[in-house]
Amino acid sequence: MDVRKLQKIVVSALEDIKGKDIEVINTTKLTSLFDRIVIASGDSNRQVKALARSVEDKVREAGAEIVSVEGEDNGEWVLVDLGDIVVHIMQPAVRRYYNLEELWQVTPAQRRRAAAETGESPAA
């Protein structure tokens, strides 16, 4: 399935269950492992799990494959791996703590330049 079509399905599934602060990050220039990261927030364990189930259901209905799902037991952070897209659904405190948006929106070259300017060791 085309990654843009899959992205639309994922975002729609998250919006259907009132996912908050949905962000899509294009990672094609950062890694060959996947093309997009989708990050969304849910206010409770129950909502995070419902958001993940919505993504799973809509993706299956569209005929796409779900590689794996992690974190459903806990409900603070659920990862849905769709191959070309990795979906992270988190409670707000967990999302702020791990700050995946910042991690994935900075290229390694930008990270090295920033580290050189500050004299720090660059994080991989």
N, C-alpha and C. Protein backbone atom coordinates (compact mmCIF):
# COMPACT_ATOMS: atom_id res chain seq x y z
N MET A 1 0.85 -1.18 0.00
CA MET A 1 0.00 0.00 0.00
C MET A 1 0.89 1.25 0.00
N ASP A 2 0.47 2.23 -0.75
CA ASP A 2 1.19 3.50 -0.83
C ASP A 2 1.27 4.14 0.56
N VAL A 3 2.46 4.66 0.92
CA VAL A 3 2.67 5.21 2.26
C VAL A 3 1.76 6.41 2.53
N ARG A 4 1.48 7.20 1.52
CA ARG A 4 0.59 8.36 1.72
C ARG A 4 -0.84 7.91 2.03
N LYS A 5 -1.30 6.87 1.36
CA LYS A 5 -2.64 6.33 1.62
C LYS A 5 -2.70 5.74 3.03
N LEU A 6 -1.65 4.99 3.40
CA LEU A 6 -1.59 4.40 4.73
C LEU A 6 -1.56 5.49 5.80
N GLN A 7 -0.82 6.56 5.55
CA GLN A 7 -0.75 7.69 6.49
C GLN A 7 -2.13 8.30 6.69
N LYS A 8 -2.88 8.49 5.62
CA LYS A 8 -4.23 9.05 5.74
C LYS A 8 -5.14 8.15 6.57
N ILE A 9 -5.01 6.84 6.37
CA ILE A 9 -5.81 5.89 7.14
C ILE A 9 -5.47 5.99 8.62
N VAL A 10 -4.18 6.05 8.93
CA VAL A 10 -3.74 6.13 10.33
C VAL A 10 -4.24 7.41 10.98
N VAL A 11 -4.04 8.54 10.33
CA VAL A 11 -4.45 9.83 10.90
C VAL A 11 -5.97 9.86 11.09
N SER A 12 -6.70 9.35 10.12
CA SER A 12 -8.16 9.30 10.23
C SER A 12 -8.60 8.43 11.41
N ALA A 13 -7.93 7.28 11.58
CA ALA A 13 -8.27 6.38 12.70
C ALA A 13 -8.01 7.06 14.03
N LEU A 14 -6.95 7.84 14.12
CA LEU A 14 -6.64 8.56 15.36
C LEU A 14 -7.65 9.68 15.61
N GLU A 15 -8.02 10.39 14.55
CA GLU A 15 -8.99 11.47 14.70
C GLU A 15 -10.36 10.94 15.11
N ASP A 16 -10.72 9.75 14.62
CA ASP A 16 -12.02 9.15 14.96
C ASP A 16 -12.20 8.95 16.45
N ILE A 17 -11.11 8.69 17.17
CA ILE A 17 -11.17 8.42 18.61
C ILE A 17 -10.64 9.63 19.40
N LYS A 18 -10.62 10.78 18.76
CA LYS A 18 -10.24 12.05 19.40
C LYS A 18 -8.79 12.06 19.89
N GLY A 19 -7.88 11.47 19.08
CA GLY A 19 -6.45 11.57 19.39
C GLY A 19 -6.04 13.03 19.35
N LYS A 20 -5.12 13.40 20.22
CA LYS A 20 -4.69 14.80 20.34
C LYS A 20 -3.28 14.98 19.81
N ASP A 21 -3.01 16.21 19.34
CA ASP A 21 -1.67 16.60 18.91
C ASP A 21 -1.05 15.59 17.96
N ILE A 22 -1.79 15.21 16.93
CA ILE A 22 -1.30 14.24 15.96
C ILE A 22 -0.23 14.90 15.11
N GLU A 23 0.92 14.25 15.04
CA GLU A 23 2.03 14.78 14.27
C GLU A 23 2.59 13.68 13.38
N VAL A 24 2.86 14.03 12.12
CA VAL A 24 3.45 13.09 11.17
C VAL A 24 4.83 13.60 10.82
N ILE A 25 5.83 12.72 10.95
CA ILE A 25 7.21 13.09 10.66
C ILE A 25 7.70 12.22 9.51
N ASN A 26 8.16 12.85 8.45
CA ASN A 26 8.73 12.14 7.30
C ASN A 26 10.18 11.79 7.65
N THR A 27 10.49 10.50 7.69
CA THR A 27 11.83 10.05 8.09
C THR A 27 12.62 9.45 6.93
N THR A 28 12.17 9.67 5.70
CA THR A 28 12.83 9.04 4.56
C THR A 28 14.29 9.46 4.42
N LYS A 29 14.64 10.65 4.84
CA LYS A 29 16.04 11.12 4.75
C LYS A 29 16.84 10.81 6.01
N LEU A 30 16.17 10.27 7.03
CA LEU A 30 16.85 10.00 8.31
C LEU A 30 17.16 8.53 8.52
N THR A 31 16.32 7.64 7.98
CA THR A 31 16.51 6.21 8.18
C THR A 31 15.86 5.44 7.03
N SER A 32 16.39 4.27 6.77
CA SER A 32 15.78 3.40 5.75
C SER A 32 14.83 2.39 6.37
N LEU A 33 14.66 2.44 7.69
CA LEU A 33 13.82 1.46 8.39
C LEU A 33 12.33 1.68 8.15
N PHE A 34 11.91 2.94 8.07
CA PHE A 34 10.51 3.28 7.84
C PHE A 34 10.45 4.67 7.25
N ASP A 35 9.29 5.01 6.66
CA ASP A 35 9.14 6.29 5.96
C ASP A 35 8.48 7.39 6.78
N ARG A 36 7.66 7.01 7.76
CA ARG A 36 6.94 7.99 8.57
C ARG A 36 6.86 7.53 10.01
N ILE A 37 6.82 8.52 10.88
CA ILE A 37 6.45 8.29 12.28
C ILE A 37 5.21 9.13 12.51
N VAL A 38 4.21 8.53 13.11
CA VAL A 38 3.01 9.27 13.51
C VAL A 38 2.95 9.21 15.02
N ILE A 39 2.82 10.39 15.64
CA ILE A 39 2.77 10.49 17.09
C ILE A 39 1.45 11.13 17.48
N ALA A 40 0.78 10.56 18.47
CA ALA A 40 -0.49 11.11 18.95
C ALA A 40 -0.58 10.92 20.45
N SER A 41 -1.42 11.72 21.08
CA SER A 41 -1.61 11.61 22.53
C SER A 41 -3.04 11.18 22.84
N GLY A 42 -3.14 10.44 23.94
CA GLY A 42 -4.44 10.07 24.51
C GLY A 42 -4.41 10.40 25.98
N ASP A 43 -5.54 10.80 26.54
CA ASP A 43 -5.58 11.31 27.91
C ASP A 43 -5.53 10.25 29.01
N SER A 44 -5.77 8.99 28.66
CA SER A 44 -5.80 7.94 29.68
C SER A 44 -5.32 6.63 29.07
N ASN A 45 -5.07 5.65 29.93
CA ASN A 45 -4.69 4.32 29.44
C ASN A 45 -5.76 3.79 28.49
N ARG A 46 -7.01 3.97 28.88
CA ARG A 46 -8.13 3.48 28.08
C ARG A 46 -8.15 4.15 26.70
N GLN A 47 -7.95 5.46 26.65
CA GLN A 47 -7.98 6.14 25.35
C GLN A 47 -6.78 5.75 24.49
N VAL A 48 -5.61 5.63 25.09
CA VAL A 48 -4.42 5.22 24.34
C VAL A 48 -4.66 3.85 23.70
N LYS A 49 -5.20 2.93 24.48
CA LYS A 49 -5.49 1.59 23.94
C LYS A 49 -6.55 1.66 22.84
N ALA A 50 -7.57 2.48 23.03
CA ALA A 50 -8.63 2.62 22.02
C ALA A 50 -8.08 3.23 20.73
N LEU A 51 -7.19 4.18 20.85
CA LEU A 51 -6.57 4.78 19.67
C LEU A 51 -5.77 3.73 18.91
N ALA A 52 -4.99 2.93 19.62
CA ALA A 52 -4.21 1.88 18.97
C ALA A 52 -5.12 0.86 18.28
N ARG A 53 -6.20 0.46 18.95
CA ARG A 53 -7.14 -0.49 18.35
C ARG A 53 -7.80 0.10 17.10
N SER A 54 -8.10 1.39 17.15
CA SER A 54 -8.70 2.05 15.98
C SER A 54 -7.74 2.00 14.79
N VAL A 55 -6.47 2.29 15.05
CA VAL A 55 -5.46 2.24 13.98
C VAL A 55 -5.39 0.81 13.42
N GLU A 56 -5.29 -0.17 14.32
CA GLU A 56 -5.22 -1.57 13.89
C GLU A 56 -6.43 -1.95 13.04
N ASP A 57 -7.61 -1.62 13.50
CA ASP A 57 -8.85 -2.00 12.79
C ASP A 57 -8.92 -1.36 11.41
N LYS A 58 -8.64 -0.06 11.32
CA LYS A 58 -8.74 0.65 10.04
C LYS A 58 -7.68 0.16 9.05
N VAL A 59 -6.48 -0.13 9.56
CA VAL A 59 -5.41 -0.63 8.69
C VAL A 59 -5.78 -2.02 8.15
N ARG A 60 -6.30 -2.88 9.01
CA ARG A 60 -6.73 -4.22 8.57
C ARG A 60 -7.86 -4.12 7.54
N GLU A 61 -8.84 -3.23 7.81
CA GLU A 61 -9.95 -3.04 6.86
C GLU A 61 -9.46 -2.61 5.49
N ALA A 62 -8.37 -1.85 5.47
CA ALA A 62 -7.81 -1.37 4.20
C ALA A 62 -6.93 -2.42 3.53
N GLY A 63 -6.72 -3.54 4.21
CA GLY A 63 -5.94 -4.62 3.62
C GLY A 63 -4.44 -4.51 3.83
N ALA A 64 -4.00 -3.62 4.69
CA ALA A 64 -2.57 -3.47 4.96
C ALA A 64 -2.16 -4.36 6.13
N GLU A 65 -0.87 -4.58 6.24
CA GLU A 65 -0.32 -5.48 7.26
C GLU A 65 0.09 -4.73 8.52
N ILE A 66 -0.16 -5.35 9.66
CA ILE A 66 0.34 -4.85 10.94
C ILE A 66 1.49 -5.75 11.33
N VAL A 67 2.69 -5.18 11.44
CA VAL A 67 3.87 -5.96 11.76
C VAL A 67 3.84 -6.39 13.22
N SER A 68 3.61 -5.43 14.12
CA SER A 68 3.52 -5.75 15.55
C SER A 68 2.90 -4.60 16.32
N VAL A 69 2.47 -4.93 17.53
CA VAL A 69 1.92 -3.93 18.45
C VAL A 69 2.57 -4.17 19.80
N GLU A 70 3.09 -3.11 20.40
CA GLU A 70 3.76 -3.21 21.70
C GLU A 70 3.14 -2.22 22.67
N GLY A 71 3.04 -2.60 23.94
CA GLY A 71 2.62 -1.68 24.99
C GLY A 71 1.13 -1.67 25.30
N GLU A 72 0.36 -2.56 24.69
CA GLU A 72 -1.09 -2.56 24.92
C GLU A 72 -1.45 -2.91 26.36
N ASP A 73 -0.63 -3.72 27.01
CA ASP A 73 -0.93 -4.10 28.39
C ASP A 73 -0.93 -2.89 29.32
N ASN A 74 0.05 -2.03 29.13
CA ASN A 74 0.25 -0.88 30.01
C ASN A 74 -0.67 0.28 29.64
N GLY A 75 -0.66 0.67 28.37
CA GLY A 75 -1.52 1.75 27.91
C GLY A 75 -0.95 3.15 28.09
N GLU A 76 0.29 3.27 28.57
CA GLU A 76 0.91 4.59 28.65
C GLU A 76 1.53 4.98 27.32
N TRP A 77 2.06 3.98 26.60
CA TRP A 77 2.70 4.19 25.31
C TRP A 77 2.49 2.93 24.50
N VAL A 78 1.73 3.04 23.42
CA VAL A 78 1.50 1.91 22.54
C VAL A 78 2.14 2.22 21.20
N LEU A 79 2.93 1.27 20.70
CA LEU A 79 3.58 1.40 19.41
C LEU A 79 2.92 0.43 18.45
N VAL A 80 2.48 0.94 17.31
CA VAL A 80 1.89 0.11 16.26
C VAL A 80 2.82 0.19 15.05
N ASP A 81 3.47 -0.92 14.74
CA ASP A 81 4.42 -0.99 13.63
C ASP A 81 3.69 -1.47 12.39
N LEU A 82 3.64 -0.60 11.39
CA LEU A 82 2.98 -0.92 10.13
C LEU A 82 3.98 -1.11 9.00
N GLY A 83 5.25 -1.27 9.35
CA GLY A 83 6.30 -1.42 8.34
C GLY A 83 6.79 -0.06 7.88
N ASP A 84 6.10 0.54 6.92
CA ASP A 84 6.51 1.85 6.41
C ASP A 84 6.19 2.99 7.36
N ILE A 85 5.26 2.75 8.28
CA ILE A 85 4.87 3.77 9.26
C ILE A 85 4.91 3.15 10.65
N VAL A 86 5.50 3.90 11.59
CA VAL A 86 5.50 3.48 12.99
C VAL A 86 4.64 4.51 13.75
N VAL A 87 3.62 4.01 14.44
CA VAL A 87 2.68 4.88 15.14
C VAL A 87 2.96 4.79 16.65
N HIS A 88 3.20 5.95 17.26
CA HIS A 88 3.42 6.04 18.71
C HIS A 88 2.22 6.76 19.31
N ILE A 89 1.52 6.10 20.22
CA ILE A 89 0.38 6.71 20.89
C ILE A 89 0.72 6.74 22.37
N MET A 90 0.77 7.95 22.95
CA MET A 90 1.28 8.10 24.31
C MET A 90 0.38 9.00 25.14
N GLN A 91 0.47 8.81 26.45
CA GLN A 91 -0.13 9.78 27.35
C GLN A 91 0.77 11.02 27.34
N PRO A 92 0.22 12.20 27.59
CA PRO A 92 0.98 13.45 27.47
C PRO A 92 2.28 13.49 28.28
N ALA A 93 2.29 12.99 29.51
CA ALA A 93 3.51 13.05 30.32
C ALA A 93 4.62 12.19 29.71
N VAL A 94 4.25 11.04 29.19
CA VAL A 94 5.23 10.16 28.55
C VAL A 94 5.74 10.81 27.27
N ARG A 95 4.85 11.42 26.53
CA ARG A 95 5.25 12.08 25.28
C ARG A 95 6.22 13.24 25.55
N ARG A 96 5.93 14.02 26.57
CA ARG A 96 6.85 15.13 26.91
C ARG A 96 8.21 14.60 27.34
N TYR A 97 8.21 13.54 28.12
CA TYR A 97 9.47 12.99 28.64
C TYR A 97 10.38 12.48 27.51
N TYR A 98 9.81 11.70 26.59
CA TYR A 98 10.63 11.11 25.53
C TYR A 98 10.84 12.03 24.34
N ASN A 99 9.96 13.00 24.13
CA ASN A 99 10.11 14.04 23.12
C ASN A 99 10.59 13.49 21.77
N LEU A 100 9.88 12.52 21.24
CA LEU A 100 10.27 11.90 19.97
C LEU A 100 10.27 12.89 18.81
N GLU A 101 9.43 13.88 18.86
CA GLU A 101 9.39 14.87 17.79
C GLU A 101 10.76 15.52 17.61
N GLU A 102 11.36 15.93 18.69
CA GLU A 102 12.68 16.57 18.60
C GLU A 102 13.73 15.57 18.13
N LEU A 103 13.68 14.37 18.63
CA LEU A 103 14.65 13.35 18.26
C LEU A 103 14.63 13.07 16.76
N TRP A 104 13.44 12.94 16.17
CA TRP A 104 13.35 12.56 14.77
C TRP A 104 13.34 13.71 13.80
N GLN A 105 13.17 14.93 14.25
CA GLN A 105 13.16 16.05 13.31
C GLN A 105 14.53 16.68 13.13
N VAL A 106 15.50 16.23 13.87
CA VAL A 106 16.85 16.74 13.74
C VAL A 106 17.68 15.70 13.01
N THR A 107 18.31 16.09 11.90
CA THR A 107 19.13 15.15 11.16
C THR A 107 20.45 14.91 11.89
N PRO A 108 21.10 13.77 11.65
CA PRO A 108 22.39 13.51 12.30
C PRO A 108 23.43 14.60 12.02
N ALA A 109 23.46 15.14 10.81
CA ALA A 109 24.42 16.21 10.50
C ALA A 109 24.13 17.44 11.34
N GLN A 110 22.85 17.79 11.50
CA GLN A 110 22.49 18.93 12.34
C GLN A 110 22.89 18.67 13.79
N ARG A 111 22.70 17.44 14.25
CA ARG A 111 23.04 17.09 15.62
C ARG A 111 24.56 17.20 15.84
N ARG A 112 25.35 16.74 14.85
CA ARG A 112 26.82 16.83 14.96
C ARG A 112 27.27 18.29 14.98
N ARG A 113 26.67 19.11 14.11
CA ARG A 113 27.03 20.54 14.08
C ARG A 113 26.72 21.20 15.41
N ALA A 114 25.55 20.92 15.95
CA ALA A 114 25.16 21.51 17.23
C ALA A 114 26.10 21.06 18.34
N ALA A 115 26.48 19.78 18.33
CA ALA A 115 27.38 19.26 19.35
C ALA A 115 28.76 19.91 19.22
N ALA A 116 29.21 20.11 17.99
CA ALA A 116 30.52 20.73 17.78
C ALA A 116 30.52 22.18 18.26
N GLU A 117 29.42 22.86 18.06
CA GLU A 117 29.32 24.25 18.50
C GLU A 117 29.34 24.38 20.01
N THR A 118 28.78 23.40 20.70
CA THR A 118 28.71 23.45 22.15
C THR A 118 29.83 22.67 22.83
N GLY A 119 30.62 21.93 22.03
CA GLY A 119 31.70 21.13 22.59
C GLY A 119 31.25 19.85 23.22
N GLU A 120 30.00 19.44 22.95
CA GLU A 120 29.46 18.21 23.52
C GLU A 120 29.69 17.04 22.57
N SER A 121 29.52 15.84 23.10
CA SER A 121 29.57 14.64 22.29
C SER A 121 28.22 14.46 21.62
N PRO A 122 28.20 14.26 20.29
CA PRO A 122 26.90 14.10 19.61
C PRO A 122 26.25 12.77 19.97
N ALA A 123 24.93 12.83 20.18
CA ALA A 123 24.15 11.61 20.43
C ALA A 123 23.81 10.99 19.09
N ALA A 124 23.86 9.70 19.00
CA ALA A 124 23.61 9.02 17.71
C ALA A 124 22.19 9.10 17.28
